[in-house]
């Protein structure tokens, strides 16, 4: 694998196990991409050892979502557990963005730049959350995590259309709905610093979901598929979770969901 190829380097970065090293390498990749030091090479066929991806540290232990212990927010440990859960999501999001860069060939060059930008911003979010977690006296790995986001990445590895439909537009878009109430909980607990981090995350995640929407729409146009019908077919085919209200409709609209799609979310497809 040549080392001047963005997609090759993204794959190598995906295999890194140390979170700090991974974040630093993502930042370096972004800078190299901006300067033109890395070639994108959309047609290059790449392969990876499935056992090596994603690279992750030995901790946190991964358990089923229902087994992740929840703690009261009125304690420092409870706030730390929530911050840890968010940091774990962001670490997985770094990996999914890198996977989107290396795995799918024959996409426009803008696609690869978009997903590298997502990786860079997810790394920033993870770093902010980890620093705050350390200020609370804890670190990444001190609590259990779950693997549901990466499981959907694995399910959709054979088709970029399914990936765009079910990871950014479904799994990540849930964050648009969940972030405002989480912010309120943190404010009520007196953690204004964490609430400010969530403002940054929500701002950037709107852009990430918009990237998913952009490329899902592009692929549907290429394959002459209906957006809403195709999404529902893929959701059922891959057993993706059905999203339930309340939805952050304002954020979803900013992220590029159409009025018809928003009506579909609410179970009213007549709009």
Protein backbone atom coordinates (compact mmCIF):
# COMPACT_ATOMS: atom_id res chain seq x y z
CA UNK A 1 0.00 0.00 0.00
CA UNK A 2 1.45 3.34 -1.04
CA UNK A 3 1.83 5.87 1.74
CA UNK A 4 0.87 8.94 -0.32
CA UNK A 5 -2.72 7.72 -0.79
CA UNK A 6 -5.38 9.23 1.47
CA UNK A 7 -7.47 6.08 1.47
CA UNK A 8 -4.48 3.89 2.36
CA UNK A 9 -3.49 6.21 5.20
CA UNK A 10 -7.08 6.29 6.45
CA UNK A 11 -7.05 2.50 6.68
CA UNK A 12 -3.74 2.54 8.53
CA UNK A 13 -5.11 5.14 10.96
CA UNK A 14 -8.25 3.08 11.51
CA UNK A 15 -6.11 0.22 12.83
CA UNK A 16 -4.43 2.38 15.50
CA UNK A 17 -5.42 1.29 18.99
CA UNK A 18 -4.32 4.28 21.06
CA UNK A 19 -7.01 7.00 21.02
CA UNK A 20 -4.60 9.93 21.35
CA UNK A 21 -2.35 8.59 18.59
CA UNK A 22 -5.39 8.08 16.37
CA UNK A 23 -6.60 11.65 16.95
CA UNK A 24 -3.15 13.07 16.16
CA UNK A 25 -2.88 11.02 12.97
CA UNK A 26 -6.35 12.12 11.82
CA UNK A 27 -5.30 15.75 12.28
CA UNK A 28 -2.12 15.08 10.29
CA UNK A 29 -4.12 13.42 7.50
CA UNK A 30 -6.42 16.42 7.30
CA UNK A 31 -3.50 18.83 6.98
CA UNK A 32 -1.83 16.64 4.37
CA UNK A 33 -5.06 16.52 2.41
CA UNK A 34 -5.41 20.31 2.52
CA UNK A 35 -1.89 20.79 1.16
CA UNK A 36 -2.34 18.19 -1.57
CA UNK A 37 0.38 15.93 -0.14
CA UNK A 38 -2.00 12.96 -0.29
CA UNK A 39 -3.60 11.58 -3.44
CA UNK A 40 -7.15 10.30 -3.17
CA UNK A 41 -7.13 7.52 -5.83
CA UNK A 42 -10.84 6.57 -5.83
CA UNK A 43 -10.27 3.59 -8.15
CA UNK A 44 -7.66 1.90 -5.96
CA UNK A 45 -8.85 -1.45 -4.58
CA UNK A 46 -7.95 -1.87 -0.91
CA UNK A 47 -8.43 -4.73 1.50
CA UNK A 48 -7.98 -5.12 5.23
CA UNK A 49 -7.70 -7.80 7.87
CA UNK A 50 -11.10 -7.68 9.55
CA UNK A 51 -9.46 -8.62 12.86
CA UNK A 52 -7.42 -5.41 12.86
CA UNK A 53 -10.29 -2.97 12.44
CA UNK A 54 -11.33 -0.97 14.15
CA UNK A 55 -8.24 -0.36 16.26
CA UNK A 56 -9.41 0.28 19.81
CA UNK A 57 -7.83 0.21 23.27
CA UNK A 58 -8.31 -2.75 25.60
CA UNK A 59 -10.70 -0.64 27.67
CA UNK A 60 -13.55 0.17 27.78
CA UNK A 61 -15.07 -3.28 28.03
CA UNK A 62 -17.84 -3.69 25.45
CA UNK A 63 -21.18 -4.93 26.75
CA UNK A 64 -24.75 -5.01 25.33
CA UNK A 65 -26.38 -1.55 25.43
CA UNK A 66 -28.83 -2.61 28.15
CA UNK A 67 -25.89 -3.66 30.34
CA UNK A 68 -24.19 -0.24 30.30
CA UNK A 69 -24.70 0.97 33.86
CA UNK A 70 -26.51 4.26 34.33
CA UNK A 71 -25.75 6.46 37.29
CA UNK A 72 -27.48 9.40 38.93
CA UNK A 73 -26.53 12.77 37.46
CA UNK A 74 -26.31 14.43 40.87
CA UNK A 75 -22.91 12.85 41.50
CA UNK A 76 -19.54 13.48 39.87
CA UNK A 77 -19.38 9.79 38.94
CA UNK A 78 -22.80 10.00 37.29
CA UNK A 79 -21.77 12.98 35.18
CA UNK A 80 -18.50 11.24 34.32
CA UNK A 81 -20.40 8.14 33.18
CA UNK A 82 -22.48 10.26 30.80
CA UNK A 83 -19.40 12.10 29.47
CA UNK A 84 -17.70 8.73 29.02
CA UNK A 85 -20.67 7.40 27.03
CA UNK A 86 -20.50 10.44 24.76
CA UNK A 87 -16.72 10.11 24.35
CA UNK A 88 -17.19 6.45 23.41
CA UNK A 89 -19.69 7.45 20.72
CA UNK A 90 -17.23 10.00 19.34
CA UNK A 91 -14.36 7.51 19.31
CA UNK A 92 -16.51 5.09 17.33
CA UNK A 93 -17.49 7.94 15.04
CA UNK A 94 -13.81 8.57 14.23
CA UNK A 95 -13.55 4.94 13.19
CA UNK A 96 -16.70 4.96 11.08
CA UNK A 97 -15.58 8.08 9.21
CA UNK A 98 -12.16 6.55 8.47
CA UNK A 99 -13.88 3.36 7.35
CA UNK A 100 -16.05 5.36 4.94
CA UNK A 101 -12.89 6.87 3.43
CA UNK A 102 -10.92 3.69 2.76
CA UNK A 103 -13.61 1.10 2.12
CA UNK A 104 -15.70 2.44 -0.74
CA UNK A 105 -14.02 2.88 -4.12
CA UNK A 106 -15.20 4.79 -7.18
CA UNK A 107 -16.84 7.68 -5.38
CA UNK A 108 -16.19 11.34 -6.31
CA UNK A 109 -13.10 12.85 -4.68
CA UNK A 110 -15.33 15.22 -2.66
CA UNK A 111 -16.82 12.20 -0.90
CA UNK A 112 -13.43 11.22 0.55
CA UNK A 113 -12.63 14.78 1.62
CA UNK A 114 -16.04 15.06 3.28
CA UNK A 115 -15.53 11.93 5.37
CA UNK A 116 -11.99 12.89 6.33
CA UNK A 117 -13.40 16.19 7.59
CA UNK A 118 -15.91 14.21 9.64
CA UNK A 119 -13.08 12.11 11.12
CA UNK A 120 -11.15 15.27 12.01
CA UNK A 121 -14.14 16.84 13.77
CA UNK A 122 -15.05 13.62 15.60
CA UNK A 123 -11.46 13.42 16.87
CA UNK A 124 -11.80 16.98 18.16
CA UNK A 125 -15.04 16.09 19.95
CA UNK A 126 -13.47 13.01 21.50
CA UNK A 127 -10.50 15.03 22.72
CA UNK A 128 -12.74 17.68 24.31
CA UNK A 129 -14.82 15.05 26.10
CA UNK A 130 -11.80 13.08 27.25
CA UNK A 131 -10.15 16.19 28.67
CA UNK A 132 -13.34 17.04 30.55
CA UNK A 133 -13.60 13.47 31.79
CA UNK A 134 -10.05 13.70 33.12
CA UNK A 135 -10.92 16.93 34.90
CA UNK A 136 -13.66 15.00 36.68
CA UNK A 137 -11.06 12.48 37.85
CA UNK A 138 -11.76 9.73 35.33
CA UNK A 139 -10.50 8.67 31.91
CA UNK A 140 -11.71 6.95 28.79
CA UNK A 141 -12.02 3.25 29.57
CA UNK A 142 -13.08 3.68 33.20
CA UNK A 143 -16.70 2.75 32.36
CA UNK A 144 -18.19 0.10 30.09
CA UNK A 145 -19.30 0.90 26.53
CA UNK A 146 -21.37 -0.76 23.83
CA UNK A 147 -20.69 -1.47 20.18
CA UNK A 148 -24.01 -0.86 18.41
CA UNK A 149 -22.70 1.95 16.17
CA UNK A 150 -19.80 -0.12 14.85
CA UNK A 151 -22.07 -3.15 14.42
CA UNK A 152 -24.09 -1.16 11.87
CA UNK A 153 -20.85 -0.12 10.17
CA UNK A 154 -19.98 -3.80 9.79
CA UNK A 155 -23.44 -4.71 8.49
CA UNK A 156 -23.20 -2.10 5.72
CA UNK A 157 -19.62 -2.74 4.59
CA UNK A 158 -20.68 -4.20 1.22
CA UNK A 159 -22.74 -1.23 -0.03
CA UNK A 160 -21.99 2.47 0.28
CA UNK A 161 -25.70 3.27 -0.27
CA UNK A 162 -26.66 1.24 2.80
CA UNK A 163 -23.80 2.82 4.77
CA UNK A 164 -24.94 6.36 3.97
CA UNK A 165 -28.56 5.52 4.72
CA UNK A 166 -28.11 3.74 8.01
CA UNK A 167 -25.05 5.18 9.73
CA UNK A 168 -24.98 8.99 9.32
CA UNK A 169 -28.68 9.38 8.49
CA UNK A 170 -29.93 6.95 11.14
CA UNK A 171 -27.50 6.13 13.93
CA UNK A 172 -25.72 9.50 13.99
CA UNK A 173 -28.89 11.47 13.35
CA UNK A 174 -30.22 10.16 16.65
CA UNK A 175 -27.65 12.41 18.26
CA UNK A 176 -29.40 15.46 16.82
CA UNK A 177 -32.48 14.46 18.80
CA UNK A 178 -30.69 13.36 21.97
CA UNK A 179 -28.18 16.19 22.43
CA UNK A 180 -30.49 19.05 23.54
CA UNK A 181 -32.08 17.09 26.44
CA UNK A 182 -28.65 15.79 27.47
CA UNK A 183 -27.38 19.35 27.53
CA UNK A 184 -30.24 20.35 29.82
CA UNK A 185 -29.42 17.50 32.20
CA UNK A 186 -25.82 18.65 32.38
CA UNK A 187 -26.83 22.24 32.99
CA UNK A 188 -29.18 21.14 35.76
CA UNK A 189 -26.28 19.24 37.29
CA UNK A 190 -24.15 22.41 37.14
CA UNK A 191 -21.75 21.19 34.46
CA UNK A 192 -21.67 24.18 32.14
CA UNK A 193 -18.36 23.13 30.58
CA UNK A 194 -19.85 19.85 29.39
CA UNK A 195 -22.94 21.64 28.11
CA UNK A 196 -20.70 23.95 26.05
CA UNK A 197 -18.97 20.91 24.53
CA UNK A 198 -22.37 19.55 23.50
CA UNK A 199 -23.08 22.82 21.70
CA UNK A 200 -19.95 22.25 19.60
CA UNK A 201 -20.87 18.64 18.96
CA UNK A 202 -24.43 19.45 17.87
CA UNK A 203 -23.18 22.16 15.50
CA UNK A 204 -20.73 19.79 13.84
CA UNK A 205 -23.03 16.76 13.86
CA UNK A 206 -25.60 18.68 11.82
CA UNK A 207 -22.87 18.96 9.19
CA UNK A 208 -22.00 15.27 9.46
CA UNK A 209 -25.59 14.17 8.97
CA UNK A 210 -25.79 16.61 6.06
CA UNK A 211 -22.82 14.84 4.48
CA UNK A 212 -24.63 11.54 4.85
CA UNK A 213 -27.75 13.06 3.30
CA UNK A 214 -25.73 14.53 0.43
CA UNK A 215 -24.13 11.25 -0.55
CA UNK A 216 -27.26 9.20 0.03
CA UNK A 217 -29.07 11.56 -2.33
CA UNK A 218 -26.22 11.37 -4.84
CA UNK A 219 -26.30 7.57 -4.82
CA UNK A 220 -30.09 7.43 -5.10
CA UNK A 221 -29.88 9.75 -8.12
CA UNK A 222 -27.16 7.57 -9.66
CA UNK A 223 -29.24 4.42 -9.18
CA UNK A 224 -32.58 6.15 -9.93
CA UNK A 225 -34.06 5.30 -6.56
CA UNK A 226 -36.66 7.07 -4.45
CA UNK A 227 -35.18 8.53 -1.26
CA UNK A 228 -37.93 7.58 1.17
CA UNK A 229 -38.78 4.16 -0.26
CA UNK A 230 -35.11 3.20 -0.51
CA UNK A 231 -34.40 4.28 3.06
CA UNK A 232 -37.28 2.20 4.42
CA UNK A 233 -36.26 -0.84 2.37
CA UNK A 234 -32.69 -0.59 3.65
CA UNK A 235 -33.82 -0.03 7.23
CA UNK A 236 -35.83 -3.25 7.12
CA UNK A 237 -33.19 -5.22 5.20
CA UNK A 238 -30.43 -4.37 7.70
CA UNK A 239 -32.66 -4.39 10.80
CA UNK A 240 -31.78 -0.82 11.64
CA UNK A 241 -33.56 0.69 14.65
CA UNK A 242 -36.81 2.47 13.90
CA UNK A 243 -36.44 6.06 15.07
CA UNK A 244 -38.96 7.28 17.57
CA UNK A 245 -40.03 10.82 18.49
CA UNK A 246 -39.46 13.39 19.75
CA UNK A 247 -37.29 14.52 16.85
CA UNK A 248 -35.18 17.65 16.66
CA UNK A 249 -36.89 18.71 13.45
CA UNK A 250 -35.06 22.04 13.22
CA UNK A 251 -31.64 20.34 13.38
CA UNK A 252 -32.73 17.60 10.98
CA UNK A 253 -33.91 20.18 8.48
CA UNK A 254 -30.58 21.99 8.74
CA UNK A 255 -28.92 18.63 8.09
CA UNK A 256 -30.74 18.30 4.79
CA UNK A 257 -33.74 16.10 5.51
CA UNK A 258 -36.59 17.08 3.20
CA UNK A 259 -40.09 17.96 4.40
CA UNK A 260 -41.30 14.63 2.99
CA UNK A 261 -38.65 12.75 4.96
CA UNK A 262 -39.48 14.63 8.16
CA UNK A 263 -43.16 13.86 7.68
CA UNK A 264 -42.22 10.21 7.13
CA UNK A 265 -40.35 10.21 10.45
CA UNK A 266 -43.53 11.29 12.19
CA UNK A 267 -45.53 8.59 10.45
CA UNK A 268 -47.34 10.99 8.13
CA UNK A 269 -46.23 10.40 4.55
CA UNK A 270 -49.03 12.47 3.06
CA UNK A 271 -47.04 15.72 3.31
